[in-house]
N, C-alpha and C. Protein backbone atom coordinates (compact mmCIF):
# COMPACT_ATOMS: atom_id res chain seq x y z
N MET A 1 0.28 -1.20 -0.04
CA MET A 1 -0.53 -0.01 -0.22
C MET A 1 1.08 0.91 0.42
N ALA A 2 0.63 2.38 -0.52
CA ALA A 2 1.44 3.17 -1.29
C ALA A 2 0.91 4.09 0.00
N ARG A 3 2.60 5.35 0.95
CA ARG A 3 2.06 5.94 2.18
C ARG A 3 1.65 7.51 1.31
N LEU A 4 0.93 8.00 1.64
CA LEU A 4 0.56 9.46 1.37
C LEU A 4 1.44 10.86 1.04
N ILE A 5 2.09 11.30 0.48
CA ILE A 5 2.73 12.21 0.06
C ILE A 5 2.87 13.19 1.20
N ALA A 6 4.03 14.15 2.25
CA ALA A 6 3.52 14.49 3.07
C ALA A 6 3.17 16.55 2.27
N GLU A 7 2.02 16.97 2.32
CA GLU A 7 3.08 18.54 1.57
C GLU A 7 3.79 19.16 1.87
N THR A 8 4.02 19.93 0.58
CA THR A 8 4.57 20.85 0.70
C THR A 8 5.25 22.72 2.23
N PRO A 9 6.08 22.63 2.19
CA PRO A 9 6.10 22.56 3.16
C PRO A 9 6.06 24.54 2.31
N VAL A 10 5.16 25.63 2.99
CA VAL A 10 4.89 27.10 2.37
C VAL A 10 6.09 28.02 2.75
N LEU A 11 7.00 28.09 2.47
CA LEU A 11 7.38 29.53 2.32
C LEU A 11 6.99 30.78 3.25
N SER A 12 7.44 31.87 4.12
CA SER A 12 7.52 32.79 4.34
C SER A 12 8.24 33.75 5.45
N GLY A 13 8.13 35.41 5.63
CA GLY A 13 8.71 35.79 6.12
C GLY A 13 10.69 35.83 4.86
N SER A 14 11.32 36.21 6.49
CA SER A 14 12.98 35.84 5.52
C SER A 14 13.43 35.17 4.48
N ASP A 15 12.86 33.77 4.91
CA ASP A 15 12.99 32.74 3.96
C ASP A 15 12.21 32.53 3.04
N ALA A 16 10.98 33.54 2.25
CA ALA A 16 10.76 33.80 1.71
C ALA A 16 11.35 34.50 1.23
N ARG A 17 12.04 35.36 1.18
CA ARG A 17 12.95 37.30 0.73
C ARG A 17 13.71 35.83 0.38
N ARG A 18 14.44 35.08 1.37
CA ARG A 18 16.31 34.42 0.90
C ARG A 18 15.47 33.64 -0.04
N PHE A 19 14.63 33.29 -0.50
CA PHE A 19 14.37 32.44 -2.08
C PHE A 19 14.27 32.91 -3.27
N GLU A 20 13.72 34.47 -3.16
CA GLU A 20 13.60 34.89 -4.02
C GLU A 20 14.49 35.26 -4.84
N GLU A 21 14.95 35.83 -3.73
CA GLU A 21 16.53 35.97 -3.88
C GLU A 21 17.37 35.63 -4.74
N ALA A 22 17.09 34.06 -4.34
CA ALA A 22 18.34 33.69 -4.26
C ALA A 22 17.91 32.84 -6.03
N ILE A 23 16.56 33.06 -6.77
CA ILE A 23 15.69 31.97 -7.55
C ILE A 23 15.95 33.92 -9.08
N SER A 24 15.90 35.11 -7.92
CA SER A 24 16.49 35.94 -9.17
C SER A 24 17.61 36.20 -9.44
N ASN A 25 18.34 35.92 -9.08
CA ASN A 25 19.68 35.74 -8.80
C ASN A 25 20.53 33.94 -9.69
N VAL A 26 20.08 33.64 -10.90
CA VAL A 26 20.32 32.36 -10.77
C VAL A 26 21.77 32.71 -11.46
N GLN A 27 23.31 31.67 -11.53
CA GLN A 27 24.52 31.54 -12.31
C GLN A 27 24.26 30.61 -12.99
N PRO A 28 24.56 31.27 -14.58
CA PRO A 28 24.58 29.83 -14.36
C PRO A 28 26.16 29.29 -15.23
N LEU A 29 26.80 27.63 -14.80
CA LEU A 29 27.71 26.83 -14.66
C LEU A 29 28.63 27.77 -16.02
N SER A 30 30.10 27.97 -15.80
CA SER A 30 30.95 28.24 -17.20
C SER A 30 31.36 26.54 -17.36
N SER A 31 31.77 26.75 -18.37
CA SER A 31 31.71 25.76 -19.81
C SER A 31 33.68 25.33 -18.56
N GLU A 32 34.43 25.32 -18.41
CA GLU A 32 35.11 24.39 -17.86
C GLU A 32 34.15 23.96 -16.46
N ARG A 33 33.40 24.54 -15.78
CA ARG A 33 33.30 23.31 -14.63
C ARG A 33 32.62 22.66 -14.36
N ARG A 34 31.09 23.17 -16.04
CA ARG A 34 30.05 22.07 -16.18
C ARG A 34 31.98 20.98 -16.65
N ALA A 35 32.73 20.91 -17.30
CA ALA A 35 33.70 20.23 -18.28
C ALA A 35 33.90 19.51 -16.40
N GLU A 36 34.18 19.52 -15.72
CA GLU A 36 34.65 19.65 -14.69
C GLU A 36 33.94 18.71 -14.06
N MET A 37 32.67 18.21 -13.62
CA MET A 37 31.21 18.74 -13.39
C MET A 37 31.62 17.25 -14.14
N ASP A 38 31.02 16.68 -15.64
CA ASP A 38 30.78 15.90 -16.51
C ASP A 38 32.08 14.71 -15.81
N ALA A 39 33.48 14.73 -15.99
CA ALA A 39 34.71 14.23 -15.60
C ALA A 39 34.12 13.96 -14.26
N GLU A 40 33.81 14.37 -13.52
CA GLU A 40 33.35 13.55 -11.57
C GLU A 40 32.68 12.42 -11.91
N TYR A 41 30.87 12.27 -12.78
CA TYR A 41 30.36 11.59 -13.03
C TYR A 41 31.24 10.96 -13.51
N LYS A 42 31.01 10.90 -14.48
CA LYS A 42 31.74 9.69 -15.54
C LYS A 42 32.99 8.64 -14.88
N SER A 43 33.40 8.72 -14.05
CA SER A 43 35.00 9.11 -13.18
C SER A 43 33.47 8.03 -12.10
N PHE A 44 32.67 8.59 -11.45
CA PHE A 44 31.52 8.06 -10.04
C PHE A 44 31.11 6.54 -10.87
N THR A 45 30.52 7.43 -11.75
CA THR A 45 30.23 6.09 -12.63
C THR A 45 30.36 5.00 -13.00
N SER A 46 32.10 5.49 -12.88
CA SER A 46 32.93 3.53 -13.64
C SER A 46 32.90 2.91 -12.84
N LYS A 47 33.38 3.31 -11.47
CA LYS A 47 33.12 2.98 -10.32
C LYS A 47 32.09 2.08 -9.62
N VAL A 48 31.01 2.45 -9.18
CA VAL A 48 30.24 1.91 -9.53
C VAL A 48 29.25 0.38 -10.31
N THR A 49 28.97 -0.40 -9.36
CA THR A 49 27.59 -1.63 -10.57
C THR A 49 26.78 -1.55 -9.96
N ILE A 50 25.79 -1.04 -10.37
CA ILE A 50 24.59 -1.55 -9.41
C ILE A 50 23.59 -2.43 -10.51
N ASN A 51 23.34 -4.17 -9.54
CA ASN A 51 22.92 -4.93 -9.64
C ASN A 51 21.60 -4.73 -9.24
N ILE A 52 19.93 -4.62 -10.44
CA ILE A 52 18.45 -4.62 -9.75
C ILE A 52 18.27 -6.36 -10.22
């Protein structure tokens, strides 16, 4: 039997302001950082084996 999914909390006050500010100032990843992250991901996935 499936469990109920909890309601998403509503942000208010300083948390809401901080979230709005963070969302409005999103900085895109540089191509160098994206390449680093891709290399890290490939390194990790080459070491992990998932058996289902």
